[in-house]
Amino acid sequence: MASFDVIFIGGGPAGYVGAIRCAQLGFSVAVVEKEGLGGTCVLWGCIPAKALLEAASIANRVKHAAEFGVTAGDLKLDYNVAMKRSRGVSSQNSKGVEFLFKKNKITWIKGTAKIAGKNGVSVKTADGKDEKHDAKKALIIATGSRVKGLPQVGLELNKTTIVSSDEALILEKTPKSIIIVGAGAVGCEFADVFNAFGSEVTLLDVAPTILPLEDGDCSKEVERSFKKRGIAVMTGAKISNVKAAKDSVSMSVEAGGEKKELKADIVLVAAGRAPVVEDVGLKEAGVQLTDRGFIKINDKLETSVKGIYAIGDVAGPPMLAHKGEHEGVVLAELLAGKSTHGMNYDNIPNATYCHPEVASVGLTEQQCKDKKLDYKVGRFNFSANGRARTSGETEGFVKIIRDARYGEILGAHIVGAHASEMIHELTVARENEYTVEEVDLAIHAHPTMSEAVAEAALDSLGRVLHI
């Protein structure tokens, strides 16, 4: 038995970042993780998916290279090569976390952990041994989330013809046809990738729009772009009569008052994730769950049991790596007795890395309407932006929603190239309560895509310059 100040169950973004910050603050730290360090984000999510999306971006750019005076030879697409590169990037990132653990003297216990008594864990190690360890100050659950199927409509994952994002990341070749069920961030990203590599893609969602968590204007812009590229999009879709054969899947889909029979080589289920709360000993320890099955926490990130905390996906939405990372840092500083701003869950940016990208922070326009807020909208299209024209990336826009009276930025939404990089200016502005007038005070370099942010701020004030 070993004793530590803090033990993390789970080595994903929340767990490993929290562990590093705890170590920096002088705590002795252990992390129990059975797989490679980095969790779903590094191994089966953010990192490998973005590597594939980068490959898709290159493929699409090359297809239009002649417009820039660059004529390439015959374009050959090999998903297997792109996939292997993405796995290599994931492995590199995971090894990077291992290095950081060694640098910060964090103990990695390879195995699975279960809560055992007051602030203790029992561990089944990777080599089959049983161990018990004690956390003197805090036990932190950061077990993350897992993929899930849709058995209620007949889409139980079989990992061959009905797959999750996990299996999609290690396919050796693209299917001739694929149906993607779920048009949130994951579904739209994989639709982008498979379309770029030559698959016939059909994207379905039960919601009335794709990217249903985003502003309606953003969703419409991405749908328009997808359809232009040949991706079939069906929203408000109801699935029935699913039949999985050895090498194909068929189903009936009702959408827009029409019923269609669809068939594809593979169905990718991208309809959300479930928190990993099984086999952790939560019930036995008295740790309460929410109605949606997440671990219930208070504003100090503590569970219903004193000394046991939860962070990351398992502690509830938004299920985003950067949200979990920040919770890890905040919790470490709380445990060290430091003053902290805590978690501002109203100012966490969203990003979807399909093409065009989508990034947002704050309220959508519909949410402003629902709250009966008095607001103004400013919008600037990239088609009027000089840098976007030079790069041929003129799809999309920047949209800023401001409070009509005081100029507070209620929400910001970007669709277009590099949106995920551009959103942070507006995230910082909201966090520091800057108004649109103060955004305008910052001189934006010319020519840049970010000038569209300044122009959208001006448009919300009724004095846009370049339209």
Protein backbone atom coordinates (compact mmCIF):
# COMPACT_ATOMS: atom_id res chain seq x y z
CA MET A 1 0.00 0.00 0.00
CA ALA A 2 1.24 3.45 -0.94
CA SER A 3 0.00 6.75 0.39
CA PHE A 4 -0.39 9.91 -1.69
CA ASP A 5 -1.85 13.35 -1.07
CA VAL A 6 -4.05 13.09 -4.14
CA ILE A 7 -5.13 10.17 -6.33
CA PHE A 8 -6.83 10.62 -9.69
CA ILE A 9 -8.88 7.82 -11.19
CA GLY A 10 -8.46 8.46 -14.91
CA GLY A 11 -5.63 9.95 -16.95
CA GLY A 12 -7.56 11.90 -19.59
CA PRO A 13 -7.43 15.69 -20.03
CA ALA A 14 -9.13 16.39 -16.69
CA GLY A 15 -7.08 13.85 -14.75
CA TYR A 16 -3.65 14.42 -16.19
CA VAL A 17 -3.84 18.24 -16.20
CA GLY A 18 -5.22 18.22 -12.65
CA ALA A 19 -2.42 15.87 -11.62
CA ILE A 20 0.27 18.12 -13.11
CA ARG A 21 -1.11 21.20 -11.36
CA CYS A 22 -1.37 19.32 -8.06
CA ALA A 23 2.27 18.25 -8.41
CA GLN A 24 3.30 21.83 -9.19
CA LEU A 25 1.60 22.88 -5.97
CA GLY A 26 3.65 20.42 -3.93
CA PHE A 27 1.28 17.47 -3.55
CA SER A 28 2.36 13.85 -3.95
CA VAL A 29 0.18 12.56 -6.81
CA ALA A 30 -0.82 9.25 -8.36
CA VAL A 31 -2.96 8.64 -11.43
CA VAL A 32 -4.65 5.31 -12.08
CA GLU A 33 -5.11 4.73 -15.81
CA LYS A 34 -5.33 1.39 -17.60
CA GLU A 35 -4.73 2.65 -21.15
CA GLY A 36 -2.20 5.17 -22.43
CA LEU A 37 -2.17 8.58 -20.77
CA GLY A 38 -4.24 11.28 -22.40
CA GLY A 39 -7.59 9.52 -22.29
CA THR A 40 -10.21 9.58 -25.02
CA CYS A 41 -9.10 13.01 -26.24
CA VAL A 42 -5.56 11.97 -27.07
CA LEU A 43 -6.15 8.33 -27.99
CA TRP A 44 -9.66 8.13 -29.48
CA GLY A 45 -11.05 11.62 -29.90
CA CYS A 46 -9.79 15.14 -30.36
CA ILE A 47 -6.25 14.47 -31.52
CA PRO A 48 -6.63 11.57 -34.00
CA ALA A 49 -9.85 13.01 -35.42
CA LYS A 50 -8.19 16.38 -36.04
CA ALA A 51 -5.27 14.63 -37.76
CA LEU A 52 -7.77 13.02 -40.14
CA LEU A 53 -9.53 16.34 -40.65
CA GLU A 54 -6.20 17.91 -41.57
CA ALA A 55 -5.76 15.18 -44.19
CA ALA A 56 -9.27 15.94 -45.47
CA SER A 57 -8.44 19.64 -45.65
CA ILE A 58 -5.32 18.96 -47.71
CA ALA A 59 -7.30 16.70 -50.06
CA ASN A 60 -9.92 19.38 -50.63
CA ARG A 61 -7.32 22.12 -51.08
CA VAL A 62 -5.41 20.08 -53.65
CA LYS A 63 -8.62 19.54 -55.62
CA HIS A 64 -8.78 23.33 -56.09
CA ALA A 65 -5.03 23.94 -56.43
CA ALA A 66 -5.28 24.75 -60.14
CA GLU A 67 -7.22 27.90 -59.23
CA PHE A 68 -4.03 29.14 -57.55
CA GLY A 69 -1.80 28.26 -60.50
CA VAL A 70 -0.62 25.00 -58.93
CA THR A 71 -1.29 21.93 -61.04
CA ALA A 72 -0.72 18.62 -59.31
CA GLY A 73 -0.65 15.17 -60.88
CA ASP A 74 -3.39 12.60 -60.46
CA LEU A 75 -4.82 12.91 -56.95
CA LYS A 76 -4.59 9.64 -55.03
CA LEU A 77 -6.34 9.25 -51.69
CA ASP A 78 -5.26 6.62 -49.16
CA TYR A 79 -7.23 6.62 -45.93
CA ASN A 80 -4.98 3.92 -44.49
CA VAL A 81 -1.98 6.25 -44.65
CA ALA A 82 -3.98 9.10 -43.11
CA MET A 83 -5.25 6.77 -40.38
CA LYS A 84 -1.77 5.49 -39.52
CA ARG A 85 -0.47 9.04 -39.35
CA SER A 86 -3.32 9.98 -37.00
CA ARG A 87 -2.46 7.04 -34.74
CA GLY A 88 1.16 8.14 -34.72
CA VAL A 89 0.17 11.67 -33.69
CA SER A 90 -1.95 10.21 -30.87
CA SER A 91 0.91 8.05 -29.67
CA GLN A 92 3.27 11.02 -29.73
CA ASN A 93 0.89 13.09 -27.61
CA SER A 94 0.37 10.24 -25.14
CA LYS A 95 4.13 9.81 -24.73
CA GLY A 96 4.31 13.57 -24.19
CA VAL A 97 2.00 13.21 -21.18
CA GLU A 98 4.20 10.37 -19.87
CA PHE A 99 7.18 12.72 -20.08
CA LEU A 100 5.28 15.40 -18.15
CA PHE A 101 4.44 12.84 -15.44
CA LYS A 102 8.12 11.96 -15.04
CA LYS A 103 9.09 15.63 -15.04
CA ASN A 104 6.58 16.40 -12.29
CA LYS A 105 7.25 13.18 -10.33
CA ILE A 106 3.68 11.89 -10.75
CA THR A 107 3.15 8.16 -10.21
CA TRP A 108 1.29 6.40 -13.02
CA ILE A 109 -0.42 3.27 -11.69
CA LYS A 110 -1.34 1.17 -14.73
CA GLY A 111 -4.64 -0.52 -14.00
CA THR A 112 -8.26 0.01 -13.03
CA ALA A 113 -9.33 1.55 -9.74
CA LYS A 114 -12.32 1.27 -7.46
CA ILE A 115 -13.16 3.38 -4.43
CA ALA A 116 -12.34 1.40 -1.27
CA GLY A 117 -13.23 2.98 2.04
CA LYS A 118 -12.50 6.55 3.05
CA ASN A 119 -10.28 8.10 0.36
CA GLY A 120 -8.81 4.75 -0.57
CA VAL A 121 -8.68 2.90 -3.87
CA SER A 122 -8.24 -0.74 -4.73
CA VAL A 123 -6.40 -1.27 -8.01
CA LYS A 124 -6.26 -4.23 -10.34
CA THR A 125 -2.97 -3.61 -12.10
CA ALA A 126 -2.27 -4.32 -15.76
CA ASP A 127 -0.24 -7.39 -14.76
CA GLY A 128 -3.09 -8.79 -12.63
CA LYS A 129 -1.94 -7.74 -9.16
CA ASP A 130 -4.27 -6.36 -6.47
CA GLU A 131 -3.12 -3.20 -4.74
CA LYS A 132 -4.59 -0.69 -2.34
CA HIS A 133 -3.58 2.96 -2.10
CA ASP A 134 -4.59 5.85 0.12
CA ALA A 135 -5.31 9.49 -0.77
CA LYS A 136 -4.69 11.64 2.30
CA LYS A 137 -6.17 14.86 0.90
CA ALA A 138 -8.45 14.04 -2.04
CA LEU A 139 -9.66 11.26 -4.28
CA ILE A 140 -10.60 12.63 -7.70
CA ILE A 141 -12.77 10.74 -10.18
CA ALA A 142 -11.94 11.64 -13.78
CA THR A 143 -13.10 8.51 -15.61
CA GLY A 144 -14.44 10.41 -18.62
CA SER A 145 -17.02 9.14 -21.09
CA ARG A 146 -17.51 6.35 -23.61
CA VAL A 147 -19.17 5.87 -26.96
CA LYS A 148 -22.69 4.48 -27.06
CA GLY A 149 -24.98 2.94 -29.64
CA LEU A 150 -28.68 3.48 -30.23
CA PRO A 151 -30.17 0.08 -29.42
CA GLN A 152 -33.62 1.64 -29.10
CA VAL A 153 -33.73 2.08 -32.89
CA GLY A 154 -31.83 -1.08 -33.73
CA LEU A 155 -28.35 0.46 -33.92
CA GLU A 156 -26.48 -1.64 -31.37
CA LEU A 157 -22.75 -1.31 -32.01
CA ASN A 158 -21.24 -4.45 -33.58
CA LYS A 159 -17.88 -2.82 -34.48
CA THR A 160 -18.01 -4.04 -38.09
CA THR A 161 -20.99 -2.59 -39.93
CA ILE A 162 -22.44 -0.53 -37.07
CA VAL A 163 -19.52 1.35 -35.56
CA SER A 164 -18.64 4.19 -33.23
CA SER A 165 -16.04 6.89 -33.69
CA ASP A 166 -13.51 4.54 -32.06
CA GLU A 167 -13.74 2.03 -34.92
CA ALA A 168 -13.98 4.78 -37.55
CA LEU A 169 -10.56 6.04 -36.44
CA ILE A 170 -8.86 2.74 -37.28
CA LEU A 171 -10.55 1.75 -40.54
CA GLU A 172 -7.93 0.70 -43.10
CA LYS A 173 -9.94 2.09 -46.00
CA THR A 174 -12.96 4.29 -46.46
CA PRO A 175 -16.29 2.61 -47.17
CA LYS A 176 -17.94 3.24 -50.52
CA SER A 177 -20.98 4.47 -48.61
CA ILE A 178 -21.60 5.47 -45.02
CA ILE A 179 -24.59 6.66 -43.02
CA ILE A 180 -23.69 8.84 -40.05
CA VAL A 181 -26.35 8.98 -37.34
CA GLY A 182 -25.93 12.11 -35.25
CA ALA A 183 -25.01 15.48 -36.72
CA GLY A 184 -23.34 17.06 -33.74
CA ALA A 185 -19.62 17.88 -33.71
CA VAL A 186 -18.44 14.27 -34.07
CA GLY A 187 -20.90 13.40 -36.83
CA CYS A 188 -20.12 16.52 -38.86
CA GLU A 189 -16.38 16.01 -38.52
CA PHE A 190 -16.53 12.43 -39.77
CA ALA A 191 -18.90 13.44 -42.58
CA ASP A 192 -16.23 15.90 -43.67
CA VAL A 193 -13.43 13.31 -43.52
CA PHE A 194 -15.22 10.48 -45.35
CA ASN A 195 -16.57 12.84 -48.01
CA ALA A 196 -13.06 14.17 -48.68
CA PHE A 197 -11.76 10.61 -49.06
CA GLY A 198 -14.43 9.64 -51.56
CA SER A 199 -17.21 7.97 -49.57
CA GLU A 200 -20.86 8.57 -50.35
CA VAL A 201 -22.01 10.19 -47.10
CA THR A 202 -25.51 10.52 -45.65
CA LEU A 203 -25.78 12.55 -42.44
CA LEU A 204 -28.86 12.08 -40.24
CA ASP A 205 -30.11 13.76 -37.09
CA VAL A 206 -33.37 13.67 -35.18
CA ALA A 207 -32.98 17.41 -34.45
CA PRO A 208 -34.37 19.95 -36.93
CA THR A 209 -30.84 21.15 -37.79
CA ILE A 210 -27.32 19.79 -37.89
CA LEU A 211 -25.04 21.04 -35.10
CA PRO A 212 -28.16 21.58 -32.95
CA LEU A 213 -26.20 23.16 -30.08
CA GLU A 214 -24.88 25.93 -32.32
CA ASP A 215 -26.56 29.13 -33.49
CA GLY A 216 -29.13 28.48 -36.21
CA ASP A 217 -27.33 30.63 -38.77
CA CYS A 218 -24.14 28.60 -38.25
CA SER A 219 -25.96 25.31 -38.69
CA LYS A 220 -27.54 26.50 -41.94
CA GLU A 221 -24.18 27.64 -43.30
CA VAL A 222 -22.49 24.28 -42.63
CA GLU A 223 -25.46 22.37 -44.08
CA ARG A 224 -25.32 24.51 -47.23
CA SER A 225 -21.59 23.82 -47.56
CA PHE A 226 -22.02 20.08 -46.96
CA LYS A 227 -24.74 19.78 -49.57
CA LYS A 228 -22.60 21.70 -52.05
CA ARG A 229 -19.89 19.07 -51.55
CA GLY A 230 -22.32 16.21 -52.13
CA ILE A 231 -23.07 15.18 -48.55
CA ALA A 232 -26.72 14.19 -48.18
CA VAL A 233 -28.21 15.81 -45.07
CA MET A 234 -31.48 14.65 -43.47
CA THR A 235 -32.71 16.45 -40.34
CA GLY A 236 -35.80 15.78 -38.26
CA ALA A 237 -35.08 12.16 -39.16
CA LYS A 238 -36.80 9.13 -37.63
CA ILE A 239 -35.07 5.77 -38.11
CA SER A 240 -36.83 2.41 -38.22
CA ASN A 241 -36.54 -1.10 -39.63
CA VAL A 242 -32.76 -1.34 -39.22
CA LYS A 243 -31.26 -4.51 -40.69
CA ALA A 244 -27.57 -5.29 -40.31
CA ALA A 245 -26.16 -7.76 -42.82
CA LYS A 246 -22.62 -9.12 -43.02
CA ASP A 247 -21.32 -6.30 -45.20
CA SER A 248 -24.06 -3.64 -45.17
CA VAL A 249 -26.82 -1.98 -43.15
CA SER A 250 -30.25 -0.91 -44.37
CA MET A 251 -32.86 1.25 -42.67
CA SER A 252 -36.00 3.27 -43.23
CA VAL A 253 -35.73 6.99 -42.61
CA GLU A 254 -38.61 9.43 -42.41
CA ALA A 255 -37.71 13.10 -42.79
CA GLY A 256 -39.49 16.15 -44.16
CA GLY A 257 -42.69 14.19 -44.71
CA GLU A 258 -40.94 11.63 -46.91
CA LYS A 259 -39.89 8.07 -46.17
CA LYS A 260 -36.73 6.71 -47.77
CA GLU A 261 -35.00 3.36 -47.76
CA LEU A 262 -31.27 3.77 -47.17
CA LYS A 263 -28.45 1.26 -47.44
CA ALA A 264 -24.73 1.68 -46.76
CA ASP A 265 -21.60 -0.35 -46.16
CA ILE A 266 -21.23 1.12 -42.67
CA VAL A 267 -23.33 3.06 -40.19
CA LEU A 268 -21.41 5.32 -37.84
CA VAL A 269 -23.34 6.11 -34.65
CA ALA A 270 -22.29 9.55 -33.41
CA ALA A 271 -25.24 10.32 -31.17
CA GLY A 272 -23.50 11.36 -27.99
CA ARG A 273 -21.43 9.77 -25.24
CA ALA A 274 -22.17 8.28 -21.83
CA PRO A 275 -20.27 8.96 -18.57
CA VAL A 276 -18.09 6.13 -17.28
CA VAL A 277 -19.62 5.51 -13.85
CA GLU A 278 -19.69 1.71 -13.85
CA ASP A 279 -17.33 -0.39 -11.73
CA VAL A 280 -15.86 2.60 -9.89
CA GLY A 281 -17.57 1.84 -6.58
CA LEU A 282 -19.68 4.99 -6.58
CA LYS A 283 -22.83 3.46 -5.11
CA GLU A 284 -20.96 1.64 -2.37
CA ALA A 285 -19.16 4.86 -1.43
CA GLY A 286 -22.40 6.85 -1.40
CA VAL A 287 -21.50 9.08 -4.33
CA GLN A 288 -24.71 10.46 -5.83
CA LEU A 289 -25.51 10.76 -9.53
CA THR A 290 -27.65 13.31 -11.35
CA ASP A 291 -30.87 12.41 -13.16
CA ARG A 292 -28.83 12.13 -16.36
CA GLY A 293 -26.34 9.70 -14.84
CA PHE A 294 -23.39 12.05 -14.27
CA ILE A 295 -21.66 12.42 -10.92
CA LYS A 296 -23.28 15.20 -8.91
CA ILE A 297 -20.82 17.90 -7.81
CA ASN A 298 -21.03 21.26 -6.02
CA ASP A 299 -19.31 24.54 -6.93
CA LYS A 300 -16.11 23.23 -5.30
CA LEU A 301 -16.20 20.16 -7.61
CA GLU A 302 -16.82 17.93 -4.59
CA THR A 303 -19.25 15.01 -4.74
CA SER A 304 -21.84 14.10 -2.12
CA VAL A 305 -19.02 12.38 -0.18
CA LYS A 306 -16.51 14.62 1.57
CA GLY A 307 -13.01 14.23 0.16
CA ILE A 308 -14.15 12.70 -3.12
CA TYR A 309 -14.26 14.98 -6.17
CA ALA A 310 -15.23 14.61 -9.82
CA ILE A 311 -14.07 16.50 -12.90
CA GLY A 312 -14.30 16.20 -16.68
CA ASP A 313 -16.93 14.40 -18.74
CA VAL A 314 -18.04 12.18 -15.84
CA ALA A 315 -19.06 15.31 -13.90
CA GLY A 316 -21.46 16.52 -16.58
CA PRO A 317 -21.66 18.62 -19.72
CA PRO A 318 -20.28 20.33 -21.61
CA MET A 319 -18.28 17.20 -22.43
CA LEU A 320 -15.24 19.03 -23.71
CA ALA A 321 -11.56 18.34 -23.07
CA HIS A 322 -10.75 21.98 -22.31
CA LYS A 323 -13.57 22.16 -19.78
CA GLY A 324 -12.12 19.12 -17.98
CA GLU A 325 -8.60 20.53 -18.09
CA HIS A 326 -9.70 23.79 -16.51
CA GLU A 327 -11.66 21.92 -13.82
CA GLY A 328 -8.46 20.02 -13.03
CA VAL A 329 -6.52 23.24 -12.55
CA VAL A 330 -9.27 24.90 -10.50
CA LEU A 331 -9.62 21.86 -8.23
CA ALA A 332 -5.86 21.61 -7.66
CA GLU A 333 -5.76 25.24 -6.57
CA LEU A 334 -8.79 24.82 -4.32
CA LEU A 335 -7.09 21.84 -2.64
CA ALA A 336 -4.00 23.98 -2.11
CA GLY A 337 -6.08 26.71 -0.48
CA LYS A 338 -5.37 29.20 -3.23
CA SER A 339 -7.75 31.91 -4.36
CA THR A 340 -9.40 30.94 -7.63
CA HIS A 341 -11.98 32.40 -10.00
CA GLY A 342 -13.62 28.98 -10.08
CA MET A 343 -15.41 27.66 -13.14
CA ASN A 344 -17.35 29.98 -15.44
CA TYR A 345 -19.45 27.42 -17.29
CA ASP A 346 -21.15 30.20 -19.26
CA ASN A 347 -17.95 31.11 -21.09
CA ILE A 348 -16.58 27.82 -22.39
CA PRO A 349 -15.99 27.92 -26.15
CA ASN A 350 -17.32 25.22 -28.47
CA ALA A 351 -15.44 24.18 -31.59
CA THR A 352 -16.31 21.84 -34.45
CA TYR A 353 -13.41 21.17 -36.81
CA CYS A 354 -15.25 20.26 -39.99
CA HIS A 355 -14.84 22.49 -43.02
CA PRO A 356 -15.97 25.18 -42.66
CA GLU A 357 -15.12 25.18 -38.96
CA VAL A 358 -17.61 26.36 -36.36
CA ALA A 359 -16.70 28.01 -33.07
CA SER A 360 -18.86 29.79 -30.54
CA VAL A 361 -19.10 31.12 -27.02
CA GLY A 362 -22.06 32.37 -25.01
CA LEU A 363 -25.69 32.53 -26.06
CA THR A 364 -27.20 31.70 -29.42
CA GLU A 365 -29.68 34.13 -30.93
CA GLN A 366 -32.53 31.72 -30.14
CA GLN A 367 -31.46 31.59 -26.50
CA CYS A 368 -31.49 35.39 -26.39
CA LYS A 369 -35.03 35.33 -27.76
CA ASP A 370 -36.08 32.67 -25.24
CA LYS A 371 -34.70 34.80 -22.41
CA LYS A 372 -36.51 37.85 -23.86
CA LEU A 373 -33.28 39.85 -23.93
CA ASP A 374 -33.01 43.17 -25.72
CA TYR A 375 -30.16 42.53 -28.15
CA LYS A 376 -28.53 43.61 -31.41
CA VAL A 377 -26.76 41.41 -33.94
CA GLY A 378 -23.63 42.26 -35.89
CA ARG A 379 -22.47 40.08 -38.77
CA PHE A 380 -19.62 40.18 -41.25
CA ASN A 381 -19.23 37.67 -44.07
CA PHE A 382 -15.78 36.33 -44.96
CA SER A 383 -16.64 36.89 -48.62
CA ALA A 384 -15.98 40.59 -47.91
CA ASN A 385 -12.70 39.92 -46.07
CA GLY A 386 -9.45 40.54 -47.95
CA ARG A 387 -7.42 37.72 -46.36
CA ALA A 388 -10.24 35.22 -46.93
CA ARG A 389 -10.29 36.17 -50.60
CA THR A 390 -6.55 35.68 -50.94
CA SER A 391 -6.72 32.18 -49.47
CA GLY A 392 -9.93 31.22 -51.22
CA GLU A 393 -11.63 30.60 -47.88
CA THR A 394 -14.66 32.86 -48.24
CA GLU A 395 -17.33 30.59 -46.74
CA GLY A 396 -18.96 31.69 -43.51
CA PHE A 397 -19.11 34.72 -41.24
CA VAL A 398 -18.58 36.20 -37.80
CA LYS A 399 -21.73 36.93 -35.81
CA ILE A 400 -21.74 38.89 -32.55
CA ILE A 401 -24.81 39.31 -30.36
CA ARG A 402 -24.65 42.26 -27.99
CA ASP A 403 -26.83 43.66 -25.25
CA ALA A 404 -28.73 46.56 -26.82
CA ARG A 405 -28.18 48.97 -23.95
CA TYR A 406 -24.71 48.32 -22.56
CA GLY A 407 -22.88 46.59 -25.42
CA GLU A 408 -22.09 43.43 -23.40
CA ILE A 409 -21.22 40.50 -25.68
CA LEU A 410 -24.00 37.99 -25.10
CA GLY A 411 -22.77 35.50 -27.67
CA ALA A 412 -20.27 35.13 -30.49
CA HIS A 413 -20.39 32.70 -33.40
CA ILE A 414 -17.89 32.05 -36.18
CA VAL A 415 -18.26 29.82 -39.23
CA GLY A 416 -15.30 29.61 -41.56
CA ALA A 417 -11.64 28.74 -41.93
CA HIS A 418 -9.68 28.98 -38.64
CA ALA A 419 -12.84 29.70 -36.62
CA SER A 420 -11.52 27.58 -33.73
CA GLU A 421 -8.45 29.81 -33.50
CA MET A 422 -10.36 33.09 -33.83
CA ILE A 423 -13.00 32.51 -31.14
CA HIS A 424 -10.60 33.14 -28.26
CA GLU A 425 -10.48 36.90 -28.78
CA LEU A 426 -14.19 36.97 -28.03
CA THR A 427 -13.87 34.44 -25.20
CA VAL A 428 -11.32 36.71 -23.50
CA ALA A 429 -13.57 39.71 -24.14
CA ARG A 430 -16.56 38.02 -22.49
CA GLU A 431 -14.51 36.74 -19.54
CA ASN A 432 -13.30 40.27 -18.85
CA GLU A 433 -16.71 41.84 -19.55
CA TYR A 434 -15.48 43.91 -22.49
CA THR A 435 -18.13 45.55 -24.63
CA VAL A 436 -18.23 45.56 -28.43
CA GLU A 437 -16.90 49.12 -28.29
CA GLU A 438 -13.81 47.84 -26.46
CA VAL A 439 -13.32 45.09 -29.06
CA ASP A 440 -13.32 47.86 -31.66
CA LEU A 441 -10.60 49.73 -29.73
CA ALA A 442 -8.16 46.89 -30.48
CA ILE A 443 -6.46 47.49 -33.83
CA HIS A 444 -6.64 44.32 -35.92
CA ALA A 445 -3.81 43.60 -38.33
CA HIS A 446 -4.59 43.83 -42.04
CA PRO A 447 -5.11 41.64 -43.92
CA THR A 448 -6.31 38.97 -41.47
CA MET A 449 -9.36 36.80 -41.03
CA SER A 450 -9.71 38.33 -37.56
CA GLU A 451 -10.63 41.68 -39.06
CA ALA A 452 -14.06 40.10 -39.52
CA VAL A 453 -14.39 40.05 -35.72
CA ALA A 454 -13.83 43.80 -35.54
CA GLU A 455 -16.23 44.39 -38.42
CA ALA A 456 -18.95 42.27 -36.81
CA ALA A 457 -18.54 44.29 -33.60
CA LEU A 458 -18.92 47.47 -35.63
CA ASP A 459 -21.92 46.07 -37.45
CA SER A 460 -23.66 45.43 -34.13
CA LEU A 461 -23.21 49.17 -33.50
CA GLY A 462 -24.59 50.11 -36.90
CA ARG A 463 -21.32 51.40 -38.33
CA VAL A 464 -19.65 48.56 -40.25
CA LEU A 465 -16.96 49.80 -42.65
CA HIS A 466 -16.46 47.22 -45.38
CA ILE A 467 -20.00 46.28 -46.40
